[in-house]
């Protein structure tokens, strides 16, 4: 029975890992993709605007 107790933790971790990968794959794209892309684009635009508005310190 030692082999069963030795194999249980890796099997549990493998099942959980597969579950996490499935969730990641299922949440890519779809209806939320446009919304997520819009949030990222807005954040990048804010960061770019802040970078252009601040004076250059290395000049």
PDB file of N, CA and C in Angstrom:
ATOM      1  N   UNK A   1       0.809  -1.202   0.000  1.00  0.00           N
ATOM      2  CA  UNK A   1       0.000   0.000   0.000  1.00  0.00           C
ATOM      3  C   UNK A   1       0.851   1.265   0.000  1.00  0.00           C
ATOM      4  N   UNK A   2       2.149   1.120   0.183  1.00  0.00           N
ATOM      5  CA  UNK A   2       3.010   2.296   0.136  1.00  0.00           C
ATOM      6  C   UNK A   2       3.010   2.935  -1.247  1.00  0.00           C
ATOM      7  N   UNK A   3       2.887   2.121  -2.293  1.00  0.00           N
ATOM      8  CA  UNK A   3       2.900   2.668  -3.640  1.00  0.00           C
ATOM      9  C   UNK A   3       1.660   3.522  -3.882  1.00  0.00           C
ATOM     10  N   UNK A   4       0.524   3.178  -3.258  1.00  0.00           N
ATOM     11  CA  UNK A   4      -0.689   3.990  -3.430  1.00  0.00           C
ATOM     12  C   UNK A   4      -0.490   5.355  -2.780  1.00  0.00           C
ATOM     13  N   UNK A   5       0.030   5.386  -1.566  1.00  0.00           N
ATOM     14  CA  UNK A   5       0.249   6.661  -0.895  1.00  0.00           C
ATOM     15  C   UNK A   5       1.333   7.477  -1.596  1.00  0.00           C
ATOM     16  N   UNK A   6       2.240   6.823  -2.293  1.00  0.00           N
ATOM     17  CA  UNK A   6       3.269   7.543  -3.036  1.00  0.00           C
ATOM     18  C   UNK A   6       2.726   8.130  -4.332  1.00  0.00           C
ATOM     19  N   UNK A   7       1.715   7.484  -4.922  1.00  0.00           N
ATOM     20  CA  UNK A   7       1.181   7.950  -6.201  1.00  0.00           C
ATOM     21  C   UNK A   7       0.040   8.951  -6.055  1.00  0.00           C
ATOM     22  N   UNK A   8      -0.624   9.004  -4.925  1.00  0.00           N
ATOM     23  CA  UNK A   8      -1.790   9.878  -4.781  1.00  0.00           C
ATOM     24  C   UNK A   8      -1.432  11.358  -4.952  1.00  0.00           C
ATOM     25  N   UNK A   9      -0.421  11.899  -4.281  1.00  0.00           N
ATOM     26  CA  UNK A   9      -0.140  13.333  -4.457  1.00  0.00           C
ATOM     27  C   UNK A   9       0.167  13.744  -5.908  1.00  0.00           C
ATOM     28  N   UNK A  10       0.994  13.005  -6.656  1.00  0.00           N
ATOM     29  CA  UNK A  10       1.219  13.410  -8.045  1.00  0.00           C
ATOM     30  C   UNK A  10      -0.041  13.318  -8.902  1.00  0.00           C
ATOM     31  N   UNK A  11      -0.862  12.330  -8.641  1.00  0.00           N
ATOM     32  CA  UNK A  11      -2.092  12.186  -9.433  1.00  0.00           C
ATOM     33  C   UNK A  11      -3.036  13.344  -9.125  1.00  0.00           C
ATOM     34  N   UNK A  12      -3.164  13.713  -7.862  1.00  0.00           N
ATOM     35  CA  UNK A  12      -4.024  14.839  -7.486  1.00  0.00           C
ATOM     36  C   UNK A  12      -3.499  16.124  -8.109  1.00  0.00           C
ATOM     37  N   UNK A  13      -2.197  16.336  -8.045  1.00  0.00           N
ATOM     38  CA  UNK A  13      -1.626  17.538  -8.643  1.00  0.00           C
ATOM     39  C   UNK A  13      -1.820  17.556 -10.156  1.00  0.00           C
ATOM     40  N   UNK A  14      -1.696  16.417 -10.802  1.00  0.00           N
ATOM     41  CA  UNK A  14      -1.905  16.351 -12.250  1.00  0.00           C
ATOM     42  C   UNK A  14      -3.346  16.692 -12.604  1.00  0.00           C
ATOM     43  N   UNK A  15      -4.289  16.185 -11.846  1.00  0.00           N
ATOM     44  CA  UNK A  15      -5.713  16.475 -12.110  1.00  0.00           C
ATOM     45  C   UNK A  15      -5.977  17.959 -11.918  1.00  0.00           C
ATOM     46  N   UNK A  16      -5.453  18.547 -10.850  1.00  0.00           N
ATOM     47  CA  UNK A  16      -5.648  19.978 -10.617  1.00  0.00           C
ATOM     48  C   UNK A  16      -4.980  20.809 -11.708  1.00  0.00           C
ATOM     49  N   UNK A  17      -3.800  20.402 -12.134  1.00  0.00           N
ATOM     50  CA  UNK A  17      -3.097  21.126 -13.183  1.00  0.00           C
ATOM     51  C   UNK A  17      -3.890  21.096 -14.489  1.00  0.00           C
ATOM     52  N   UNK A  18      -4.414  19.932 -14.832  1.00  0.00           N
ATOM     53  CA  UNK A  18      -5.238  19.813 -16.049  1.00  0.00           C
ATOM     54  C   UNK A  18      -6.470  20.689 -15.934  1.00  0.00           C
ATOM     55  N   UNK A  19      -7.068  20.736 -14.749  1.00  0.00           N
ATOM     56  CA  UNK A  19      -8.237  21.597 -14.540  1.00  0.00           C
ATOM     57  C   UNK A  19      -7.898  23.063 -14.733  1.00  0.00           C
ATOM     58  N   UNK A  20      -6.756  23.498 -14.219  1.00  0.00           N
ATOM     59  CA  UNK A  20      -6.352  24.896 -14.377  1.00  0.00           C
ATOM     60  C   UNK A  20      -6.103  25.213 -15.851  1.00  0.00           C
ATOM     61  N   UNK A  21      -5.437  24.321 -16.552  1.00  0.00           N
ATOM     62  CA  UNK A  21      -5.176  24.543 -17.978  1.00  0.00           C
ATOM     63  C   UNK A  21      -6.487  24.618 -18.756  1.00  0.00           C
ATOM     64  N   UNK A  22      -7.442  23.759 -18.423  1.00  0.00           N
ATOM     65  CA  UNK A  22      -8.740  23.794 -19.120  1.00  0.00           C
ATOM     66  C   UNK A  22      -9.448  25.114 -18.878  1.00  0.00           C
ATOM     67  N   UNK A  23      -9.396  25.626 -17.654  1.00  0.00           N
ATOM     68  CA  UNK A  23     -10.039  26.912 -17.362  1.00  0.00           C
ATOM     69  C   UNK A  23      -9.360  28.028 -18.143  1.00  0.00           C
ATOM     70  N   UNK A  24      -8.040  28.008 -18.186  1.00  0.00           N
ATOM     71  CA  UNK A  24      -7.309  29.042 -18.931  1.00  0.00           C
ATOM     72  C   UNK A  24      -7.682  28.993 -20.408  1.00  0.00           C
ATOM     73  N   UNK A  25      -7.725  27.815 -20.978  1.00  0.00           N
ATOM     74  CA  UNK A  25      -8.032  27.686 -22.400  1.00  0.00           C
ATOM     75  C   UNK A  25      -9.474  28.099 -22.681  1.00  0.00           C
ATOM     76  N   UNK A  26     -10.400  27.715 -21.811  1.00  0.00           N
ATOM     77  CA  UNK A  26     -11.806  28.042 -22.043  1.00  0.00           C
ATOM     78  C   UNK A  26     -12.081  29.530 -21.912  1.00  0.00           C
ATOM     79  N   UNK A  27     -11.296  30.252 -21.112  1.00  0.00           N
ATOM     80  CA  UNK A  27     -11.558  31.673 -20.926  1.00  0.00           C
ATOM     81  C   UNK A  27     -10.848  32.538 -21.953  1.00  0.00           C
ATOM     82  N   UNK A  28     -10.064  31.954 -22.832  1.00  0.00           N
ATOM     83  CA  UNK A  28      -9.416  32.732 -23.881  1.00  0.00           C
ATOM     84  C   UNK A  28     -10.399  32.954 -25.019  1.00  0.00           C
ATOM     85  N   UNK A  29     -10.443  34.168 -25.498  1.00  0.00           N
ATOM     86  CA  UNK A  29     -11.327  34.477 -26.614  1.00  0.00           C
ATOM     87  C   UNK A  29     -12.773  34.558 -26.179  1.00  0.00           C
ATOM     88  N   UNK A  30     -13.668  34.415 -27.127  1.00  0.00           N
ATOM     89  CA  UNK A  30     -15.084  34.439 -26.815  1.00  0.00           C
ATOM     90  C   UNK A  30     -15.597  35.850 -26.576  1.00  0.00           C
ATOM     91  N   UNK A  31     -16.704  35.945 -25.852  1.00  0.00           N
ATOM     92  CA  UNK A  31     -17.372  37.209 -25.619  1.00  0.00           C
ATOM     93  C   UNK A  31     -16.536  38.145 -24.757  1.00  0.00           C
ATOM     94  N   UNK A  32     -15.734  37.604 -23.872  1.00  0.00           N
ATOM     95  CA  UNK A  32     -14.949  38.450 -22.976  1.00  0.00           C
ATOM     96  C   UNK A  32     -13.694  39.009 -23.636  1.00  0.00           C
ATOM     97  N   UNK A  33     -13.295  38.455 -24.786  1.00  0.00           N
ATOM     98  CA  UNK A  33     -12.048  38.880 -25.402  1.00  0.00           C
ATOM     99  C   UNK A  33     -12.089  40.358 -25.771  1.00  0.00           C
ATOM    100  N   UNK A  34     -13.158  40.820 -26.371  1.00  0.00           N
ATOM    101  CA  UNK A  34     -13.244  42.231 -26.768  1.00  0.00           C
ATOM    102  C   UNK A  34     -13.216  43.134 -25.545  1.00  0.00           C
ATOM    103  N   UNK A  35     -13.908  42.731 -24.491  1.00  0.00           N
ATOM    104  CA  UNK A  35     -13.938  43.530 -23.273  1.00  0.00           C
ATOM    105  C   UNK A  35     -12.548  43.592 -22.633  1.00  0.00           C
ATOM    106  N   UNK A  36     -11.860  42.452 -22.571  1.00  0.00           N
ATOM    107  CA  UNK A  36     -10.519  42.420 -21.993  1.00  0.00           C
ATOM    108  C   UNK A  36      -9.543  43.222 -22.844  1.00  0.00           C
ATOM    109  N   UNK A  37      -9.672  43.108 -24.166  1.00  0.00           N
ATOM    110  CA  UNK A  37      -8.794  43.868 -25.048  1.00  0.00           C
ATOM    111  C   UNK A  37      -9.012  45.366 -24.869  1.00  0.00           C
ATOM    112  N   UNK A  38     -10.260  45.783 -24.690  1.00  0.00           N
ATOM    113  CA  UNK A  38     -10.565  47.201 -24.489  1.00  0.00           C
ATOM    114  C   UNK A  38      -9.946  47.710 -23.192  1.00  0.00           C
ATOM    115  N   UNK A  39      -9.994  46.906 -22.140  1.00  0.00           N
ATOM    116  CA  UNK A  39      -9.392  47.306 -20.862  1.00  0.00           C
ATOM    117  C   UNK A  39      -7.886  47.457 -21.011  1.00  0.00           C
ATOM    118  N   UNK A  40      -7.248  46.506 -21.680  1.00  0.00           N
ATOM    119  CA  UNK A  40      -5.796  46.577 -21.877  1.00  0.00           C
ATOM    120  C   UNK A  40      -5.437  47.770 -22.741  1.00  0.00           C
ATOM    121  N   UNK A  41      -6.190  48.012 -23.809  1.00  0.00           N
ATOM    122  CA  UNK A  41      -5.907  49.156 -24.676  1.00  0.00           C
ATOM    123  C   UNK A  41      -6.052  50.473 -23.916  1.00  0.00           C
ATOM    124  N   UNK A  42      -7.072  50.576 -23.058  1.00  0.00           N
ATOM    125  CA  UNK A  42      -7.263  51.789 -22.264  1.00  0.00           C
ATOM    126  C   UNK A  42      -6.105  51.988 -21.290  1.00  0.00           C
ATOM    127  N   UNK A  43      -5.650  50.918 -20.659  1.00  0.00           N
ATOM    128  CA  UNK A  43      -4.532  51.024 -19.720  1.00  0.00           C
ATOM    129  C   UNK A  43      -3.261  51.434 -20.453  1.00  0.00           C
ATOM    130  N   UNK A  44      -3.028  50.863 -21.617  1.00  0.00           N
ATOM    131  CA  UNK A  44      -1.841  51.237 -22.391  1.00  0.00           C
ATOM    132  C   UNK A  44      -1.913  52.691 -22.842  1.00  0.00           C
ATOM    133  N   UNK A  45      -3.096  53.141 -23.237  1.00  0.00           N
ATOM    134  CA  UNK A  45      -3.255  54.535 -23.659  1.00  0.00           C
ATOM    135  C   UNK A  45      -3.009  55.484 -22.489  1.00  0.00           C
ATOM    136  N   UNK A  46      -3.507  55.131 -21.284  1.00  0.00           N
ATOM    137  CA  UNK A  46      -3.264  55.962 -20.105  1.00  0.00           C
ATOM    138  C   UNK A  46      -1.767  56.016 -19.791  1.00  0.00           C
ATOM    139  N   UNK A  47      -1.106  54.875 -19.861  1.00  0.00           N
ATOM    140  CA  UNK A  47       0.324  54.835 -19.564  1.00  0.00           C
ATOM    141  C   UNK A  47       1.111  55.637 -20.598  1.00  0.00           C
ATOM    142  N   UNK A  48       0.747  55.533 -21.853  1.00  0.00           N
ATOM    143  CA  UNK A  48       1.425  56.285 -22.896  1.00  0.00           C
ATOM    144  C   UNK A  48       1.183  57.778 -22.718  1.00  0.00           C
ATOM    145  N   UNK A  49      -0.041  58.156 -22.382  1.00  0.00           N
ATOM    146  CA  UNK A  49      -0.349  59.567 -22.147  1.00  0.00           C
ATOM    147  C   UNK A  49       0.419  60.119 -20.958  1.00  0.00           C
ATOM    148  N   UNK A  50       0.538  59.355 -19.903  1.00  0.00           N
ATOM    149  CA  UNK A  50       1.282  59.805 -18.726  1.00  0.00           C
ATOM    150  C   UNK A  50       2.764  59.914 -19.048  1.00  0.00           C
ATOM    151  N   UNK A  51       3.274  59.006 -19.862  1.00  0.00           N
ATOM    152  CA  UNK A  51       4.686  59.054 -20.220  1.00  0.00           C
ATOM    153  C   UNK A  51       4.987  60.268 -21.069  1.00  0.00           C
ATOM    154  N   UNK A  52       4.075  60.615 -21.991  1.00  0.00           N
ATOM    155  CA  UNK A  52       4.297  61.772 -22.841  1.00  0.00           C
ATOM    156  C   UNK A  52       4.100  63.068 -22.087  1.00  0.00           C
ATOM    157  N   UNK A  53       3.226  63.086 -21.088  1.00  0.00           N
ATOM    158  CA  UNK A  53       2.949  64.300 -20.337  1.00  0.00           C
ATOM    159  C   UNK A  53       4.065  64.637 -19.357  1.00  0.00           C
ATOM    160  N   UNK A  54       4.768  63.636 -18.857  1.00  0.00           N
ATOM    161  CA  UNK A  54       5.823  63.903 -17.885  1.00  0.00           C
ATOM    162  C   UNK A  54       7.074  64.371 -18.606  1.00  0.00           C
ATOM    163  N   UNK A  55       7.781  65.331 -18.000  1.00  0.00           N
ATOM    164  CA  UNK A  55       9.027  65.816 -18.630  1.00  0.00           C
ATOM    165  C   UNK A  55      10.097  64.735 -18.581  1.00  0.00           C
ATOM    166  N   UNK A  56      10.958  64.774 -19.561  1.00  0.00           N
ATOM    167  CA  UNK A  56      12.013  63.766 -19.622  1.00  0.00           C
ATOM    168  C   UNK A  56      13.071  64.069 -18.564  1.00  0.00           C
ATOM    169  N   UNK A  57      13.362  63.070 -17.732  1.00  0.00           N
ATOM    170  CA  UNK A  57      14.325  63.241 -16.662  1.00  0.00           C
ATOM    171  C   UNK A  57      15.757  63.013 -17.144  1.00  0.00           C
ATOM    172  N   UNK A  58      15.914  62.326 -18.256  1.00  0.00           N
ATOM    173  CA  UNK A  58      17.254  61.987 -18.727  1.00  0.00           C
ATOM    174  C   UNK A  58      17.810  63.007 -19.729  1.00  0.00           C
ATOM    175  N   UNK A  59      17.143  64.133 -19.919  1.00  0.00           N
ATOM    176  CA  UNK A  59      17.600  65.105 -20.896  1.00  0.00           C
ATOM    177  C   UNK A  59      18.721  65.971 -20.396  1.00  0.00           C
TER     178      UNK A  59
END
